N, C-alpha and C. Protein backbone atom coordinates (compact mmCIF):
# COMPACT_ATOMS: atom_id res chain seq x y z
N UNK A 1 175.75 -65.63 -19.86
CA UNK A 1 174.48 -66.40 -19.87
C UNK A 1 173.53 -65.30 -20.18
N UNK A 2 172.93 -65.59 -21.35
CA UNK A 2 171.67 -64.59 -21.62
C UNK A 2 170.16 -64.90 -20.89
N UNK A 3 169.97 -64.12 -19.97
CA UNK A 3 168.68 -64.34 -19.03
C UNK A 3 167.51 -64.00 -19.70
N UNK A 4 167.81 -63.37 -20.87
CA UNK A 4 166.37 -63.03 -21.53
C UNK A 4 165.59 -64.31 -22.21
N UNK A 5 166.15 -65.39 -22.47
CA UNK A 5 165.83 -66.71 -22.77
C UNK A 5 164.60 -67.49 -21.82
N UNK A 6 164.95 -66.92 -20.60
CA UNK A 6 164.20 -67.64 -19.32
C UNK A 6 162.86 -66.86 -19.29
N UNK A 7 161.73 -67.75 -19.31
CA UNK A 7 160.43 -67.24 -18.83
C UNK A 7 160.32 -66.54 -17.61
N UNK A 8 159.84 -65.48 -17.49
CA UNK A 8 159.77 -64.79 -16.11
C UNK A 8 158.77 -64.83 -15.30
N UNK A 9 157.53 -65.34 -15.90
CA UNK A 9 156.27 -65.57 -15.11
C UNK A 9 156.32 -66.95 -14.49
N UNK A 10 155.75 -67.11 -13.38
CA UNK A 10 155.39 -68.54 -12.78
C UNK A 10 154.93 -69.70 -14.01
N UNK A 11 155.25 -70.85 -13.79
CA UNK A 11 154.88 -71.89 -14.43
C UNK A 11 154.51 -72.88 -13.62
N UNK A 12 153.38 -73.56 -14.23
CA UNK A 12 153.10 -74.88 -13.47
C UNK A 12 154.02 -75.99 -13.71
N UNK A 13 154.59 -76.68 -12.58
CA UNK A 13 155.46 -77.81 -12.82
C UNK A 13 154.70 -79.11 -13.29
N UNK A 14 154.89 -79.55 -14.18
CA UNK A 14 154.31 -80.97 -14.79
C UNK A 14 154.78 -82.19 -14.46
N UNK A 15 156.38 -82.14 -14.17
CA UNK A 15 156.88 -83.32 -13.91
C UNK A 15 156.61 -83.79 -12.72
N UNK A 16 156.12 -85.08 -12.45
CA UNK A 16 155.74 -85.71 -11.29
C UNK A 16 156.81 -85.86 -10.42
N UNK A 17 157.99 -86.00 -10.83
CA UNK A 17 159.25 -86.28 -10.07
C UNK A 17 159.77 -84.81 -9.15
N UNK A 18 159.69 -83.84 -9.99
CA UNK A 18 159.85 -82.43 -9.38
C UNK A 18 158.66 -81.89 -8.45
N UNK A 19 157.47 -82.24 -8.80
CA UNK A 19 156.37 -82.04 -7.81
C UNK A 19 156.61 -82.83 -6.34
N UNK A 20 157.15 -83.98 -6.65
CA UNK A 20 157.20 -84.95 -5.42
C UNK A 20 158.34 -84.19 -4.56
N UNK A 21 159.61 -83.81 -5.28
CA UNK A 21 160.61 -83.15 -4.58
C UNK A 21 160.28 -82.00 -3.95
N UNK A 22 159.38 -81.26 -4.73
CA UNK A 22 158.81 -79.86 -3.99
C UNK A 22 157.95 -79.98 -2.93
N UNK A 23 157.23 -80.94 -2.86
CA UNK A 23 156.47 -81.24 -1.71
C UNK A 23 157.23 -81.76 -0.68
N UNK A 24 158.12 -82.62 -0.69
CA UNK A 24 158.91 -83.22 0.35
C UNK A 24 159.77 -81.77 1.04
N UNK A 25 160.23 -80.91 0.00
CA UNK A 25 160.68 -79.76 0.44
C UNK A 25 159.95 -78.62 1.35
N UNK A 26 158.71 -78.79 0.83
CA UNK A 26 157.80 -77.90 1.43
C UNK A 26 157.58 -78.21 2.99
N UNK A 27 157.33 -79.48 3.03
CA UNK A 27 157.09 -80.13 4.41
C UNK A 27 158.24 -79.92 5.16
N UNK A 28 159.51 -80.18 4.69
CA UNK A 28 160.64 -79.97 5.34
C UNK A 28 160.79 -78.67 6.25
N UNK A 29 160.14 -77.80 5.62
CA UNK A 29 160.54 -76.26 5.83
C UNK A 29 159.56 -75.96 7.27
N UNK A 30 158.73 -77.01 7.44
CA UNK A 30 157.95 -76.77 8.68
C UNK A 30 156.53 -75.84 8.62
N UNK A 31 155.97 -75.71 9.57
CA UNK A 31 154.61 -74.82 9.43
C UNK A 31 154.92 -73.62 9.15
N UNK A 32 153.97 -72.73 8.52
CA UNK A 32 153.89 -71.49 8.36
C UNK A 32 152.90 -70.81 9.08
N UNK A 33 153.08 -69.80 9.99
CA UNK A 33 152.07 -69.34 10.92
C UNK A 33 151.56 -67.70 10.33
N UNK A 34 150.49 -67.35 10.62
CA UNK A 34 150.06 -66.09 10.10
C UNK A 34 149.51 -65.22 11.30
N UNK A 35 149.39 -63.96 10.98
CA UNK A 35 148.66 -62.93 12.02
C UNK A 35 148.26 -62.14 10.89
N UNK A 36 146.75 -62.06 11.14
CA UNK A 36 146.03 -61.56 10.36
C UNK A 36 145.07 -59.98 11.33
N UNK A 37 145.19 -59.03 10.74
CA UNK A 37 144.34 -57.91 11.72
C UNK A 37 142.91 -57.94 11.53
N UNK A 38 142.19 -57.38 12.39
CA UNK A 38 140.52 -57.30 12.24
C UNK A 38 140.18 -56.09 13.07
N UNK A 39 139.58 -55.17 12.05
CA UNK A 39 139.16 -53.95 12.39
C UNK A 39 138.03 -53.71 12.50
N UNK A 40 137.37 -53.10 13.59
CA UNK A 40 135.82 -53.10 13.65
C UNK A 40 135.69 -51.54 13.35
N UNK A 41 134.70 -51.29 12.30
CA UNK A 41 134.31 -50.13 12.02
C UNK A 41 132.96 -49.65 11.99
N UNK A 42 132.64 -48.73 12.95
CA UNK A 42 131.02 -48.25 13.16
C UNK A 42 130.69 -47.76 11.51
N UNK A 43 129.33 -47.75 11.41
CA UNK A 43 128.72 -47.07 10.54
C UNK A 43 129.31 -45.57 10.30
N UNK A 44 129.89 -45.19 9.27
CA UNK A 44 129.76 -43.65 8.99
C UNK A 44 131.32 -43.30 9.34
N UNK A 45 132.14 -44.39 9.82
CA UNK A 45 133.48 -44.00 10.24
C UNK A 45 134.43 -44.04 8.88
N UNK A 46 135.29 -43.00 8.92
CA UNK A 46 135.82 -42.96 7.56
C UNK A 46 137.21 -42.74 7.71
N UNK A 47 137.98 -42.55 8.87
CA UNK A 47 139.36 -42.51 9.14
C UNK A 47 139.98 -43.51 9.90
N UNK A 48 141.01 -43.98 9.88
CA UNK A 48 141.71 -45.10 10.77
C UNK A 48 141.65 -44.76 12.31
N UNK A 49 141.97 -43.30 12.39
CA UNK A 49 141.70 -42.95 14.02
C UNK A 49 140.09 -43.09 14.55
N UNK A 50 139.34 -43.03 13.69
CA UNK A 50 137.99 -43.20 14.40
C UNK A 50 137.76 -44.76 14.46
N UNK A 51 138.24 -45.41 13.46
CA UNK A 51 137.99 -47.18 13.70
C UNK A 51 139.09 -47.62 14.61
N UNK A 52 140.17 -47.33 15.02
CA UNK A 52 140.96 -47.86 16.01
C UNK A 52 140.58 -47.37 17.26
N UNK A 53 139.54 -46.32 17.39
CA UNK A 53 139.29 -45.93 18.46
C UNK A 53 137.91 -46.65 19.39
N UNK A 54 137.57 -47.52 18.55
CA UNK A 54 136.35 -48.31 19.07
C UNK A 54 136.92 -48.97 20.13
N UNK A 55 136.38 -49.08 21.41
CA UNK A 55 136.72 -49.67 22.31
C UNK A 55 136.10 -51.11 22.38
N UNK A 56 134.86 -51.19 21.96
CA UNK A 56 134.11 -52.41 21.84
C UNK A 56 133.37 -52.45 20.69
N UNK A 57 133.15 -53.98 20.20
CA UNK A 57 132.56 -54.11 18.97
C UNK A 57 131.38 -54.37 19.34
N UNK A 58 130.45 -54.65 18.34
CA UNK A 58 129.16 -55.08 18.42
C UNK A 58 128.70 -56.61 18.54
N UNK A 59 127.44 -56.99 18.59
CA UNK A 59 127.11 -58.45 18.44
C UNK A 59 127.32 -59.29 17.42
N UNK A 60 127.07 -58.46 16.14
CA UNK A 60 127.52 -58.92 14.95
C UNK A 60 129.04 -59.04 14.47
N UNK A 61 129.78 -58.22 15.31
CA UNK A 61 131.33 -58.31 14.98
C UNK A 61 131.92 -59.63 15.91
N UNK A 62 131.20 -59.77 17.09
CA UNK A 62 131.44 -61.01 17.86
C UNK A 62 131.01 -62.27 17.23
N UNK A 63 130.03 -62.20 16.49
CA UNK A 63 129.45 -63.66 15.67
C UNK A 63 130.62 -63.74 14.40
N UNK A 64 131.07 -62.54 14.15
CA UNK A 64 132.26 -62.87 13.17
C UNK A 64 133.47 -63.37 13.74
N UNK A 65 133.95 -62.74 14.99
CA UNK A 65 135.14 -63.38 15.58
C UNK A 65 134.96 -64.65 15.79
N UNK A 66 133.67 -65.20 16.28
CA UNK A 66 133.47 -66.41 16.64
C UNK A 66 133.60 -67.45 15.32
N UNK A 67 133.22 -66.69 14.10
CA UNK A 67 133.66 -67.84 12.94
C UNK A 67 134.84 -67.79 12.52
N UNK A 68 135.80 -66.78 13.09
CA UNK A 68 137.24 -66.86 12.58
C UNK A 68 137.94 -67.80 13.41
N UNK A 69 137.53 -67.98 14.90
CA UNK A 69 138.33 -68.81 15.55
C UNK A 69 137.76 -68.89 16.78
N UNK A 70 138.77 -69.15 18.10
CA UNK A 70 138.51 -69.31 19.22
C UNK A 70 139.12 -68.30 20.19
N UNK A 71 138.31 -67.69 21.02
CA UNK A 71 138.87 -66.43 21.68
C UNK A 71 139.67 -67.16 22.99
N UNK A 72 141.24 -66.81 22.85
CA UNK A 72 142.24 -67.34 23.88
C UNK A 72 142.70 -66.18 24.85
N UNK A 73 142.90 -66.74 26.00
CA UNK A 73 143.42 -66.06 27.01
C UNK A 73 144.88 -66.01 26.72
N UNK A 74 145.79 -64.91 26.58
CA UNK A 74 146.93 -64.47 26.21
C UNK A 74 147.97 -64.95 27.36
N UNK A 75 147.73 -64.73 28.52
CA UNK A 75 148.80 -65.06 29.45
C UNK A 75 148.64 -66.35 29.59
N UNK A 76 150.18 -66.82 29.47
CA UNK A 76 150.52 -68.28 29.68
C UNK A 76 150.31 -69.03 28.12
N UNK A 77 149.67 -68.39 27.08
CA UNK A 77 149.37 -68.91 25.88
C UNK A 77 150.78 -69.81 25.32
N UNK A 78 150.69 -71.03 24.79
CA UNK A 78 151.91 -71.59 24.46
C UNK A 78 151.74 -72.20 22.99
N UNK A 79 150.68 -71.41 22.26
CA UNK A 79 150.63 -71.87 20.77
C UNK A 79 151.13 -70.32 20.28
N UNK A 80 151.15 -70.49 18.91
CA UNK A 80 151.58 -69.34 18.08
C UNK A 80 150.94 -68.04 18.42
N UNK A 81 151.78 -67.10 18.80
CA UNK A 81 151.46 -65.76 19.48
C UNK A 81 151.37 -64.66 18.51
N UNK A 82 151.87 -64.71 17.36
CA UNK A 82 151.79 -63.74 16.38
C UNK A 82 152.22 -62.43 16.88
N UNK A 83 153.16 -62.46 17.76
CA UNK A 83 153.86 -61.00 18.34
C UNK A 83 153.14 -60.42 19.50
N UNK A 84 152.12 -61.20 19.98
CA UNK A 84 151.29 -60.66 21.13
C UNK A 84 151.87 -61.05 22.36
N UNK A 85 152.12 -60.25 23.42
CA UNK A 85 152.63 -60.51 24.64
C UNK A 85 151.66 -61.79 25.56
N UNK A 86 152.65 -62.64 25.69
CA UNK A 86 151.94 -63.94 26.61
C UNK A 86 152.30 -63.74 28.05
N UNK A 87 153.08 -63.20 28.68
CA UNK A 87 153.58 -62.83 29.91
C UNK A 87 152.89 -61.75 30.62
N UNK A 88 152.76 -60.58 30.31
CA UNK A 88 152.47 -59.29 31.15
C UNK A 88 151.13 -58.89 30.67
N UNK A 89 150.40 -59.35 29.70
CA UNK A 89 149.32 -58.59 29.32
C UNK A 89 149.31 -57.13 28.67
N UNK A 90 150.37 -57.06 28.04
CA UNK A 90 150.70 -55.59 27.61
C UNK A 90 150.20 -55.30 26.24
N UNK A 91 149.50 -56.53 25.52
CA UNK A 91 149.05 -56.43 24.13
C UNK A 91 147.41 -56.84 24.65
N UNK A 92 146.99 -56.70 25.60
CA UNK A 92 145.54 -57.04 25.80
C UNK A 92 145.67 -58.59 26.56
N UNK A 93 144.29 -58.98 27.04
CA UNK A 93 144.38 -60.05 27.81
C UNK A 93 143.69 -61.34 27.13
N UNK A 94 143.27 -60.96 25.81
CA UNK A 94 142.50 -62.16 24.99
C UNK A 94 142.86 -61.62 23.55
N UNK A 95 142.86 -63.06 22.80
CA UNK A 95 142.81 -62.75 21.30
C UNK A 95 141.91 -63.78 20.61
N UNK A 96 141.92 -63.92 19.41
CA UNK A 96 141.23 -64.89 18.53
C UNK A 96 142.32 -65.73 17.56
N UNK A 97 142.05 -67.11 17.76
CA UNK A 97 143.11 -67.88 17.31
C UNK A 97 142.66 -69.14 16.71
N UNK A 98 143.17 -69.47 15.58
CA UNK A 98 142.40 -70.89 14.95
C UNK A 98 143.78 -71.63 14.31
N UNK A 99 143.36 -72.92 13.99
CA UNK A 99 144.52 -73.48 13.09
C UNK A 99 143.56 -73.83 11.80
N UNK A 100 144.25 -73.43 10.67
CA UNK A 100 143.54 -74.06 9.25
C UNK A 100 144.72 -74.57 8.60
N UNK A 101 144.16 -75.72 8.18
CA UNK A 101 145.25 -76.72 7.30
C UNK A 101 146.42 -76.77 7.83
N UNK A 102 146.75 -76.88 9.12
CA UNK A 102 147.97 -77.02 9.73
C UNK A 102 148.70 -75.84 9.93
N UNK A 103 148.10 -74.76 9.53
CA UNK A 103 148.81 -73.50 9.99
C UNK A 103 148.09 -72.80 10.91
N UNK A 104 148.82 -72.26 11.78
CA UNK A 104 148.13 -71.60 13.34
C UNK A 104 148.08 -69.95 12.77
N UNK A 105 147.03 -69.35 13.21
CA UNK A 105 146.63 -68.03 12.77
C UNK A 105 146.35 -67.17 14.05
N UNK A 106 146.89 -65.96 14.63
CA UNK A 106 146.49 -65.40 15.51
C UNK A 106 145.84 -64.02 14.92
N UNK A 107 144.95 -63.65 15.35
CA UNK A 107 144.29 -62.52 14.75
C UNK A 107 144.68 -61.25 15.55
N UNK A 108 145.06 -60.38 15.13
CA UNK A 108 145.20 -59.10 16.03
C UNK A 108 143.80 -58.32 16.02
N UNK A 109 142.97 -58.33 17.04
CA UNK A 109 141.50 -57.77 17.17
C UNK A 109 141.61 -56.31 17.57
N UNK A 110 141.37 -55.22 16.64
CA UNK A 110 141.39 -54.10 17.34
C UNK A 110 140.74 -53.81 18.69
N UNK A 111 139.51 -54.30 18.79
CA UNK A 111 138.79 -54.09 20.09
C UNK A 111 139.51 -54.83 21.27
N UNK A 112 140.43 -55.74 21.03
CA UNK A 112 140.96 -56.58 22.14
C UNK A 112 142.38 -56.06 22.62
N UNK A 113 142.96 -55.30 21.64
CA UNK A 113 144.24 -54.84 21.94
C UNK A 113 143.90 -53.59 22.94
N UNK A 114 145.06 -53.06 23.59
CA UNK A 114 144.95 -52.05 24.47
C UNK A 114 144.37 -50.63 23.81
N UNK A 115 143.52 -50.30 24.51
CA UNK A 115 142.78 -48.82 24.24
C UNK A 115 143.33 -47.61 25.25
N UNK A 116 143.73 -46.75 24.57
CA UNK A 116 143.96 -45.60 25.32
C UNK A 116 143.59 -44.35 25.10
N UNK A 117 142.61 -43.91 26.17
CA UNK A 117 141.82 -42.54 26.11
C UNK A 117 142.62 -41.36 25.66
N UNK A 118 143.95 -41.37 25.82
CA UNK A 118 144.88 -40.35 25.93
C UNK A 118 145.48 -40.16 24.49
N UNK A 119 145.34 -41.18 23.80
CA UNK A 119 146.06 -41.42 22.38
C UNK A 119 145.04 -41.40 21.38
N UNK A 120 144.72 -40.42 20.85
CA UNK A 120 143.66 -40.49 19.81
C UNK A 120 144.19 -41.21 18.62
N UNK A 121 145.61 -41.66 18.15
CA UNK A 121 145.84 -42.53 17.00
C UNK A 121 145.85 -43.75 17.40
N UNK A 122 145.49 -44.38 18.66
CA UNK A 122 145.59 -45.45 18.98
C UNK A 122 146.99 -46.64 18.56
N UNK A 123 148.09 -45.74 19.02
CA UNK A 123 149.41 -46.51 18.30
C UNK A 123 149.61 -47.76 18.56
N UNK A 124 149.42 -48.16 19.95
CA UNK A 124 149.57 -49.82 20.03
C UNK A 124 148.56 -50.65 19.41
N UNK A 125 147.33 -50.12 19.00
CA UNK A 125 146.87 -50.92 17.97
C UNK A 125 147.21 -51.11 16.68
N UNK A 126 147.48 -49.92 16.22
CA UNK A 126 148.01 -49.72 14.79
C UNK A 126 149.36 -50.50 14.66
N UNK A 127 150.25 -50.41 15.76
CA UNK A 127 151.40 -51.01 15.51
C UNK A 127 151.25 -52.58 15.27
N UNK A 128 150.36 -53.37 15.73
CA UNK A 128 150.16 -54.59 15.41
C UNK A 128 149.53 -54.92 13.92
N UNK A 129 148.21 -54.29 13.80
CA UNK A 129 147.29 -54.35 12.92
C UNK A 129 147.99 -53.82 11.63
N UNK A 130 148.73 -52.69 11.65
CA UNK A 130 149.44 -51.88 10.60
C UNK A 130 150.65 -52.53 9.98
N UNK A 131 150.92 -53.62 10.93
CA UNK A 131 152.14 -54.57 10.45
C UNK A 131 151.78 -55.91 9.72
N UNK A 132 150.33 -56.01 9.83
CA UNK A 132 149.71 -57.35 9.08
C UNK A 132 149.76 -57.16 7.80
N UNK A 133 149.92 -58.25 6.98
CA UNK A 133 149.46 -58.27 5.48
C UNK A 133 148.39 -58.01 5.17
N UNK A 134 147.53 -58.81 5.94
CA UNK A 134 145.97 -58.82 5.77
C UNK A 134 145.24 -58.15 6.86
N UNK A 135 144.36 -57.29 6.45
CA UNK A 135 143.45 -56.66 7.55
C UNK A 135 142.24 -56.89 7.12
N UNK A 136 141.13 -57.48 8.11
CA UNK A 136 139.80 -57.83 7.71
C UNK A 136 139.25 -56.53 8.42
N UNK A 137 138.45 -55.89 7.78
CA UNK A 137 137.58 -54.42 8.28
C UNK A 137 136.26 -54.93 8.16
N UNK A 138 135.62 -55.02 9.42
CA UNK A 138 134.43 -55.40 9.76
C UNK A 138 133.58 -54.19 9.64
N UNK A 139 132.76 -53.85 8.58
CA UNK A 139 131.86 -52.48 8.63
C UNK A 139 130.55 -52.76 9.20
N UNK A 140 130.25 -51.98 10.47
CA UNK A 140 128.86 -52.36 10.73
C UNK A 140 127.83 -51.37 10.18
N UNK A 141 126.66 -51.96 10.21
CA UNK A 141 125.53 -50.88 9.64
C UNK A 141 125.01 -51.71 8.19
N UNK A 142 123.77 -51.19 8.16
CA UNK A 142 122.88 -51.89 7.05
C UNK A 142 123.40 -51.97 5.76
N UNK A 143 123.90 -50.86 5.31
CA UNK A 143 124.58 -50.91 3.91
C UNK A 143 126.19 -50.45 4.16
N UNK A 144 126.92 -51.22 3.54
CA UNK A 144 128.19 -51.18 3.40
C UNK A 144 128.79 -49.82 2.79
N UNK A 145 129.61 -49.21 3.69
CA UNK A 145 130.09 -47.77 2.87
C UNK A 145 130.84 -47.89 1.69
N UNK A 146 130.30 -47.40 0.75
CA UNK A 146 130.98 -47.60 -0.45
C UNK A 146 132.27 -46.41 -0.81
N UNK A 147 132.22 -45.67 0.43
CA UNK A 147 133.27 -44.60 0.62
C UNK A 147 134.67 -45.26 1.24
N UNK A 148 134.73 -46.49 1.54
CA UNK A 148 135.73 -47.07 2.15
C UNK A 148 136.98 -47.30 1.13
N UNK A 149 138.20 -46.70 1.35
CA UNK A 149 139.28 -46.82 0.49
C UNK A 149 140.30 -47.34 1.35
N UNK A 150 141.21 -48.26 0.73
CA UNK A 150 142.41 -48.81 1.58
C UNK A 150 143.15 -47.84 2.18
N UNK A 151 143.15 -46.69 1.31
CA UNK A 151 144.35 -45.48 1.86
C UNK A 151 143.57 -44.82 3.01
N UNK A 152 142.27 -45.29 3.67
CA UNK A 152 142.05 -44.61 4.74
C UNK A 152 142.96 -45.42 6.01
N UNK A 153 143.26 -46.50 5.81
CA UNK A 153 144.16 -47.43 6.80
C UNK A 153 145.76 -47.14 6.28
N UNK A 154 146.48 -46.21 7.31
CA UNK A 154 147.73 -45.85 6.97
C UNK A 154 148.72 -47.02 7.37
N UNK A 155 149.41 -47.76 6.37
CA UNK A 155 150.11 -48.73 6.65
C UNK A 155 151.22 -49.10 5.57
N UNK A 156 152.54 -49.57 5.66
CA UNK A 156 153.35 -49.62 4.56
C UNK A 156 153.54 -51.15 4.30
N UNK A 157 152.59 -51.85 5.26
CA UNK A 157 152.84 -53.44 5.07
C UNK A 157 151.36 -54.09 4.88
N UNK A 158 150.30 -53.56 4.95
CA UNK A 158 148.99 -53.77 4.76
C UNK A 158 149.00 -53.89 2.84
N UNK A 159 148.49 -55.18 2.50
CA UNK A 159 148.56 -55.34 1.09
C UNK A 159 146.97 -56.09 0.92
N UNK A 160 146.49 -56.57 1.77
CA UNK A 160 145.07 -57.12 1.52
C UNK A 160 144.12 -56.31 2.47
N UNK A 161 142.93 -55.88 2.11
CA UNK A 161 141.75 -55.53 3.04
C UNK A 161 140.70 -56.03 2.31
N UNK A 162 140.10 -56.97 3.34
CA UNK A 162 138.94 -57.79 3.12
C UNK A 162 137.69 -56.99 3.91
N UNK A 163 136.68 -56.53 3.28
CA UNK A 163 135.63 -55.96 3.62
C UNK A 163 134.56 -56.78 4.05
């Protein structure tokens, strides 16, 4: 069989019967849940060590978190947990959670994950946010730093940085 004859790029399915079958298949797969990282960056911070070391956010950062979802208590949480500990508070006591179009989303918020004054790299925070496909970087300050580069955040998994 010669595979060169097949078109390699995605194509829109126009046949209504196939569209219907695909929709049924998608619904049978169940809901897909997501975990997104949220990183607070103070004005002038240019390294991930600096950004991950922020113990608290600002009032503006909190307003943005409120737009993203609800702050939930992790202990005994029964919804989608996105890899966070819901028994012993080892990944913090709270996080931000929402449901969008039937999909549960748990946000890994840098300032809500455990902070260690003895660990300059904040490995516990990086462990979660660095393994998220999407990271929202909230840059504090009057002007957004044009110096931000995705390479400032060391990760093999993050594919999208939202500033």
